């Protein structure tokens, strides 16, 4: 689930009033893209639309909406911000920001949206900014729509309140299957806990995993010792990381991964010598050289030579993000998780 949605659902369920801040339109250079969201309450904020003076002014506006909305149901507002001298930011672009005051009466559509995201369903959210705004509407996107977008229809103009915001909210989590719960594996899990992904962490040595109460929300453990079941369960377009304590196991995992034709990324910890040895052995086992070329070993972005677990983890996470963006740029979807009724 998208972090802002998880937090919004939690806050509304506890009776808090929240202003949902959305970047609705951008022109020129701006700190964040359309659809970016921030949550503002009376006492705090969560997430960011770019920081700086822009965010300061947006929070100030959101607090006004929060206060005024206590007397006006479905209080909403659109504001245009120019990122020039007036805001003291050098981006030079401009953006329109949408403000929506939400309370427990909005929990229904928020919960429905959260369920759809958990099931991997893209959803169109429609919000009106007229003088008597309707409730937020959720609907299915057109069949050809697979990614996120956000469109602000001006209507009669902001001043007359005729604008309509329609945004497609699409699941954008990617699936990571991580083999190995050693020091590097643990460090990578700590970094991946901050990214929009789901991690299946595999090691037959159950005692190497941290206590379950210290596990990040997006991580699932697998200590079954049956890699075949993990491969079968991994969805298409998964990102595989191999860093076990056993070279023979690494070789078996490498062969199983490379024989799949639907993985997005495969990285393995090791040296160039290990790579050459594995390539020779896998060639003997009949793997095509084109498949072997997709094995990233050594792992991590080039130029970082520090071998401390934390440095490898950051370097590996950066390489994963590069792979995710390249995968999306070639028109491939995010990980498609099985849907549940």
Protein backbone atom coordinates (compact mmCIF):
# COMPACT_ATOMS: atom_id res chain seq x y z
CA UNK A 1 0.00 0.00 0.00
CA UNK A 2 1.16 3.54 -0.64
CA UNK A 3 2.56 5.02 2.61
CA UNK A 4 0.37 8.14 2.55
CA UNK A 5 -2.75 5.99 2.18
CA UNK A 6 -1.79 3.72 5.06
CA UNK A 7 -1.17 6.75 7.29
CA UNK A 8 -4.37 8.49 6.20
CA UNK A 9 -6.48 5.43 6.96
CA UNK A 10 -4.89 5.11 10.40
CA UNK A 11 -5.38 8.79 11.24
CA UNK A 12 -9.03 8.90 10.17
CA UNK A 13 -9.79 5.68 12.05
CA UNK A 14 -8.52 7.38 15.20
CA UNK A 15 -10.84 10.33 14.69
CA UNK A 16 -8.29 12.86 13.46
CA UNK A 17 -9.17 15.56 10.93
CA UNK A 18 -6.62 15.64 8.11
CA UNK A 19 -5.94 17.79 5.08
CA UNK A 20 -4.84 15.75 2.09
CA UNK A 21 -2.47 17.90 0.03
CA UNK A 22 -1.95 16.84 -3.60
CA UNK A 23 0.27 18.30 -6.31
CA UNK A 24 -2.43 18.60 -8.98
CA UNK A 25 -0.56 20.27 -11.84
CA UNK A 26 3.03 21.28 -12.60
CA UNK A 27 4.69 23.51 -15.18
CA UNK A 28 8.43 23.83 -15.60
CA UNK A 29 10.89 22.66 -12.96
CA UNK A 30 9.23 21.64 -9.67
CA UNK A 31 10.42 19.70 -6.60
CA UNK A 32 7.93 16.84 -6.99
CA UNK A 33 5.70 15.35 -9.69
CA UNK A 34 1.91 15.46 -10.04
CA UNK A 35 0.08 13.15 -7.67
CA UNK A 36 2.59 13.65 -4.85
CA UNK A 37 0.84 13.85 -1.49
CA UNK A 38 1.30 15.21 2.01
CA UNK A 39 -0.89 14.90 5.10
CA UNK A 40 -1.38 17.86 7.43
CA UNK A 41 -3.04 17.80 10.86
CA UNK A 42 -3.37 20.46 13.51
CA UNK A 43 -0.13 19.32 15.18
CA UNK A 44 2.01 17.78 12.48
CA UNK A 45 2.68 16.66 8.93
CA UNK A 46 3.56 13.42 7.17
CA UNK A 47 5.25 12.97 3.80
CA UNK A 48 6.40 15.86 1.62
CA UNK A 49 5.59 17.77 -1.58
CA UNK A 50 9.12 19.07 -1.88
CA UNK A 51 10.16 20.98 1.22
CA UNK A 52 11.36 24.57 1.37
CA UNK A 53 9.15 27.64 1.40
CA UNK A 54 6.65 25.94 -0.93
CA UNK A 55 5.92 23.32 1.68
CA UNK A 56 5.80 25.92 4.45
CA UNK A 57 3.13 27.89 2.55
CA UNK A 58 1.23 24.71 1.69
CA UNK A 59 1.13 23.69 5.35
CA UNK A 60 -0.06 27.17 6.27
CA UNK A 61 -2.88 26.91 3.70
CA UNK A 62 -3.75 23.41 4.85
CA UNK A 63 -4.14 24.58 8.44
CA UNK A 64 -6.54 27.31 7.27
CA UNK A 65 -8.55 24.68 5.40
CA UNK A 66 -8.50 22.48 8.48
CA UNK A 67 -9.90 25.27 10.65
CA UNK A 68 -12.48 26.56 8.17
CA UNK A 69 -13.62 23.04 7.32
CA UNK A 70 -14.75 22.42 10.87
CA UNK A 71 -17.87 24.44 9.92
CA UNK A 72 -18.06 23.57 6.20
CA UNK A 73 -18.49 19.95 5.06
CA UNK A 74 -16.03 18.74 2.40
CA UNK A 75 -13.90 21.85 2.53
CA UNK A 76 -11.61 21.91 -0.53
CA UNK A 77 -9.34 24.47 -2.12
CA UNK A 78 -6.96 24.90 -5.05
CA UNK A 79 -3.94 27.20 -4.83
CA UNK A 80 -1.33 28.13 -7.41
CA UNK A 81 2.29 28.59 -6.33
CA UNK A 82 5.03 30.11 -8.48
CA UNK A 83 8.47 28.86 -7.49
CA UNK A 84 10.28 32.08 -8.22
CA UNK A 85 11.33 35.09 -6.16
CA UNK A 86 8.04 35.20 -4.26
CA UNK A 87 8.78 31.84 -2.62
CA UNK A 88 12.54 32.17 -2.62
CA UNK A 89 13.00 28.90 -4.55
CA UNK A 90 15.12 28.59 -7.66
CA UNK A 91 13.19 25.79 -9.42
CA UNK A 92 11.49 28.38 -11.59
CA UNK A 93 8.35 26.39 -12.28
CA UNK A 94 4.81 26.63 -10.99
CA UNK A 95 2.30 24.20 -9.58
CA UNK A 96 -1.31 23.95 -8.51
CA UNK A 97 -1.90 22.26 -5.18
CA UNK A 98 -5.20 20.72 -4.09
CA UNK A 99 -6.29 20.79 -0.44
CA UNK A 100 -9.02 18.44 0.86
CA UNK A 101 -10.19 18.39 4.45
CA UNK A 102 -11.02 14.82 5.50
CA UNK A 103 -12.49 13.38 8.67
CA UNK A 104 -14.03 10.13 9.85
CA UNK A 105 -16.88 10.53 7.34
CA UNK A 106 -14.29 9.90 4.60
CA UNK A 107 -13.06 6.66 6.12
CA UNK A 108 -15.32 4.58 3.85
CA UNK A 109 -13.73 5.58 0.52
CA UNK A 110 -10.25 5.63 2.05
CA UNK A 111 -10.70 2.05 3.29
CA UNK A 112 -12.07 0.96 -0.09
CA UNK A 113 -9.10 2.51 -1.85
CA UNK A 114 -6.71 0.81 0.57
CA UNK A 115 -8.29 -2.57 -0.10
CA UNK A 116 -8.05 -2.06 -3.85
CA UNK A 117 -4.37 -1.14 -3.56
CA UNK A 118 -3.69 -4.22 -1.43
CA UNK A 119 -5.28 -6.35 -4.18
CA UNK A 120 -3.19 -4.71 -6.88
CA UNK A 121 -6.10 -2.82 -8.46
CA UNK A 122 -5.52 0.57 -10.05
CA UNK A 123 -8.24 3.06 -9.13
CA UNK A 124 -9.49 6.39 -10.47
CA UNK A 125 -10.22 8.92 -7.71
CA UNK A 126 -12.43 11.86 -8.72
CA UNK A 127 -12.72 14.99 -6.58
CA UNK A 128 -14.82 18.07 -7.35
CA UNK A 129 -13.98 21.60 -6.21
CA UNK A 130 -17.36 23.25 -6.82
CA UNK A 131 -19.30 25.32 -4.26
CA UNK A 132 -21.23 22.24 -3.13
CA UNK A 133 -18.73 19.44 -3.76
CA UNK A 134 -19.86 15.85 -4.10
CA UNK A 135 -18.32 12.97 -2.20
CA UNK A 136 -15.08 11.50 -3.51
CA UNK A 137 -15.76 8.91 -6.23
CA UNK A 138 -13.74 5.75 -6.91
CA UNK A 139 -13.95 3.88 -10.21
CA UNK A 140 -12.02 1.49 -12.43
CA UNK A 141 -9.61 2.99 -14.97
CA UNK A 142 -9.87 2.37 -18.69
CA UNK A 143 -8.39 -1.03 -19.67
CA UNK A 144 -5.40 0.51 -21.44
CA UNK A 145 -4.40 2.60 -18.39
CA UNK A 146 -1.70 0.88 -16.34
CA UNK A 147 0.24 3.67 -14.66
CA UNK A 148 -0.44 6.60 -12.39
CA UNK A 149 -1.60 9.96 -13.63
CA UNK A 150 -3.23 13.09 -12.27
CA UNK A 151 -5.31 15.56 -14.29
CA UNK A 152 -6.85 18.83 -13.15
CA UNK A 153 -9.78 19.96 -15.29
CA UNK A 154 -10.25 23.72 -14.94
CA UNK A 155 -13.94 23.91 -15.67
CA UNK A 156 -15.03 27.52 -15.29
CA UNK A 157 -11.77 28.41 -13.57
CA UNK A 158 -10.50 28.16 -10.03
CA UNK A 159 -12.16 31.37 -8.97
CA UNK A 160 -15.59 30.02 -9.82
CA UNK A 161 -14.92 26.64 -8.28
CA UNK A 162 -15.55 24.53 -11.37
CA UNK A 163 -12.41 22.42 -11.26
CA UNK A 164 -12.34 18.63 -11.19
CA UNK A 165 -9.38 16.51 -10.14
CA UNK A 166 -9.14 12.98 -11.53
CA UNK A 167 -6.17 10.81 -10.64
CA UNK A 168 -5.34 7.21 -11.35
CA UNK A 169 -3.72 5.69 -8.29
CA UNK A 170 -1.82 2.58 -9.30
CA UNK A 171 0.06 0.10 -7.12
CA UNK A 172 3.74 0.76 -7.68
CA UNK A 173 5.32 -1.63 -5.22
CA UNK A 174 7.97 -3.96 -6.56
CA UNK A 175 8.64 -7.45 -5.27
CA UNK A 176 12.08 -8.27 -3.87
CA UNK A 177 13.07 -11.87 -3.09
CA UNK A 178 16.16 -11.81 -0.91
CA UNK A 179 18.09 -15.02 -0.23
CA UNK A 180 20.41 -14.79 2.77
CA UNK A 181 19.99 -13.42 6.30
CA UNK A 182 23.60 -12.59 7.04
CA UNK A 183 24.97 -9.15 7.86
CA UNK A 184 24.55 -7.79 4.33
CA UNK A 185 21.05 -9.25 3.96
CA UNK A 186 19.98 -7.68 7.25
CA UNK A 187 21.42 -4.31 6.22
CA UNK A 188 19.57 -4.45 2.87
CA UNK A 189 16.29 -5.23 4.62
CA UNK A 190 16.70 -2.12 6.78
CA UNK A 191 17.11 0.02 3.65
CA UNK A 192 14.28 -1.68 1.75
CA UNK A 193 11.95 -1.00 4.68
CA UNK A 194 11.90 2.64 3.51
CA UNK A 195 11.07 1.88 -0.14
CA UNK A 196 7.77 1.00 -1.89
CA UNK A 197 8.42 -2.73 -2.14
CA UNK A 198 7.46 -6.06 -0.62
CA UNK A 199 10.32 -8.23 0.52
CA UNK A 200 10.35 -12.02 0.88
CA UNK A 201 13.40 -12.77 3.02
CA UNK A 202 14.59 -16.36 2.66
CA UNK A 203 17.03 -18.36 4.80
CA UNK A 204 16.68 -21.87 6.16
CA UNK A 205 18.51 -20.78 9.34
CA UNK A 206 15.57 -19.45 11.29
CA UNK A 207 17.80 -18.28 14.13
CA UNK A 208 19.52 -15.74 11.87
CA UNK A 209 16.36 -13.66 11.44
CA UNK A 210 15.62 -10.76 13.82
CA UNK A 211 12.71 -11.12 16.27
CA UNK A 212 9.38 -10.88 14.46
CA UNK A 213 8.40 -7.76 16.40
CA UNK A 214 11.43 -5.94 14.94
CA UNK A 215 10.57 -6.86 11.37
CA UNK A 216 9.54 -4.04 8.97
CA UNK A 217 5.91 -4.13 7.83
CA UNK A 218 6.84 -4.82 4.21
CA UNK A 219 8.97 -7.91 4.96
CA UNK A 220 7.83 -11.54 5.09
CA UNK A 221 10.12 -14.29 6.39
CA UNK A 222 10.57 -17.71 4.82
CA UNK A 223 12.65 -20.25 6.76
CA UNK A 224 11.12 -23.31 5.11
CA UNK A 225 14.36 -24.31 3.42
CA UNK A 226 12.44 -25.08 0.20
CA UNK A 227 13.59 -22.56 -2.44
CA UNK A 228 11.31 -24.15 -5.03
CA UNK A 229 8.22 -22.91 -3.20
CA UNK A 230 9.67 -19.41 -3.04
CA UNK A 231 10.31 -19.38 -6.79
CA UNK A 232 6.81 -20.63 -7.51
CA UNK A 233 5.25 -17.95 -5.30
CA UNK A 234 7.35 -15.04 -6.61
CA UNK A 235 5.23 -12.90 -8.95
CA UNK A 236 6.29 -11.87 -12.43
CA UNK A 237 8.68 -8.91 -12.65
CA UNK A 238 10.29 -9.74 -9.30
CA UNK A 239 13.73 -8.49 -8.27
CA UNK A 240 15.97 -11.29 -6.95
CA UNK A 241 18.95 -10.78 -4.64
CA UNK A 242 21.23 -13.70 -3.73
CA UNK A 243 23.70 -13.48 -0.86
CA UNK A 244 23.66 -16.74 1.06
CA UNK A 245 26.42 -18.32 3.13
CA UNK A 246 26.93 -21.17 0.63
CA UNK A 247 28.38 -20.92 -2.91
CA UNK A 248 26.74 -24.18 -3.95
CA UNK A 249 23.38 -22.79 -2.89
CA UNK A 250 24.12 -19.54 -4.70
CA UNK A 251 24.81 -21.51 -7.89
CA UNK A 252 21.55 -23.44 -7.60
CA UNK A 253 19.61 -20.23 -6.98
CA UNK A 254 21.31 -18.50 -9.90
CA UNK A 255 20.31 -21.30 -12.26
CA UNK A 256 16.70 -21.31 -11.05
CA UNK A 257 16.40 -17.53 -11.40
CA UNK A 258 18.01 -17.36 -14.83
CA UNK A 259 15.72 -20.10 -16.16
CA UNK A 260 12.74 -17.84 -15.41
CA UNK A 261 11.87 -15.57 -18.33
CA UNK A 262 9.90 -13.00 -16.34
CA UNK A 263 12.28 -11.64 -13.68
CA UNK A 264 13.04 -7.92 -13.66
CA UNK A 265 16.45 -8.06 -11.99
CA UNK A 266 18.90 -10.60 -10.57
CA UNK A 267 21.85 -9.49 -8.47
CA UNK A 268 24.31 -11.64 -6.54
CA UNK A 269 26.98 -10.70 -4.06
CA UNK A 270 30.48 -11.81 -5.02
CA UNK A 271 33.64 -11.05 -6.96
CA UNK A 272 34.41 -11.05 -10.67
CA UNK A 273 36.14 -14.41 -10.09
CA UNK A 274 32.93 -15.85 -8.65
CA UNK A 275 31.02 -14.54 -11.65
CA UNK A 276 33.37 -16.17 -14.14
CA UNK A 277 33.22 -19.49 -12.29
CA UNK A 278 29.43 -19.40 -12.22
CA UNK A 279 29.22 -18.47 -15.90
CA UNK A 280 31.35 -21.49 -16.86
CA UNK A 281 29.30 -23.88 -14.74
CA UNK A 282 25.97 -22.49 -15.89
CA UNK A 283 27.04 -22.64 -19.53
CA UNK A 284 27.80 -26.34 -19.07
CA UNK A 285 24.27 -26.72 -17.69
CA UNK A 286 22.86 -25.31 -20.92
CA UNK A 287 22.05 -21.71 -20.05
CA UNK A 288 22.13 -19.27 -22.94
CA UNK A 289 24.87 -16.59 -22.75
CA UNK A 290 22.18 -13.90 -23.19
CA UNK A 291 20.57 -15.10 -19.97
CA UNK A 292 23.93 -15.14 -18.16
CA UNK A 293 24.46 -11.52 -19.16
CA UNK A 294 21.45 -10.56 -17.03
CA UNK A 295 23.20 -11.77 -13.86
CA UNK A 296 24.56 -8.74 -11.98
CA UNK A 297 27.64 -9.81 -10.04
CA UNK A 298 29.34 -8.10 -8.26
CA UNK A 299 26.23 -6.34 -7.03
CA UNK A 300 25.89 -2.62 -6.39
CA UNK A 301 26.37 0.60 -8.35
CA UNK A 302 29.84 1.00 -9.88
CA UNK A 303 32.37 3.16 -8.09
CA UNK A 304 31.52 2.20 -4.49
CA UNK A 305 34.29 -0.06 -3.16
CA UNK A 306 33.43 0.01 0.55
CA UNK A 307 32.56 -3.55 1.60
CA UNK A 308 30.86 -2.72 4.90
CA UNK A 309 27.35 -4.26 5.00
CA UNK A 310 25.70 -0.85 5.25
CA UNK A 311 27.61 0.50 2.24
CA UNK A 312 26.75 -2.58 0.17
CA UNK A 313 23.10 -2.24 1.21
CA UNK A 314 22.85 1.39 0.11
CA UNK A 315 24.68 0.66 -3.14
CA UNK A 316 22.43 -2.34 -3.85
CA UNK A 317 19.25 -0.37 -3.09
CA UNK A 318 20.38 2.37 -5.48
CA UNK A 319 20.97 -0.25 -8.18
CA UNK A 320 17.53 -1.72 -7.54
CA UNK A 321 15.91 1.69 -7.97
CA UNK A 322 17.80 2.15 -11.25
CA UNK A 323 16.46 -1.21 -12.41
CA UNK A 324 12.90 -0.36 -11.33
CA UNK A 325 12.93 2.91 -13.28
CA UNK A 326 14.50 1.27 -16.35
CA UNK A 327 11.91 -1.51 -16.20
CA UNK A 328 9.08 1.04 -16.05
CA UNK A 329 10.61 3.13 -18.86
CA UNK A 330 10.42 0.11 -21.17
CA UNK A 331 6.69 -0.15 -20.57
CA UNK A 332 6.75 -3.00 -18.08
CA UNK A 333 4.24 -2.89 -15.21
CA UNK A 334 5.04 -2.89 -11.53
CA UNK A 335 4.92 -6.24 -9.83
CA UNK A 336 1.55 -7.90 -10.36
CA UNK A 337 0.48 -9.52 -7.11
CA UNK A 338 -2.25 -12.17 -7.04
CA UNK A 339 -5.65 -10.66 -6.29
CA UNK A 340 -7.70 -11.93 -3.40
CA UNK A 341 -11.43 -11.78 -3.01
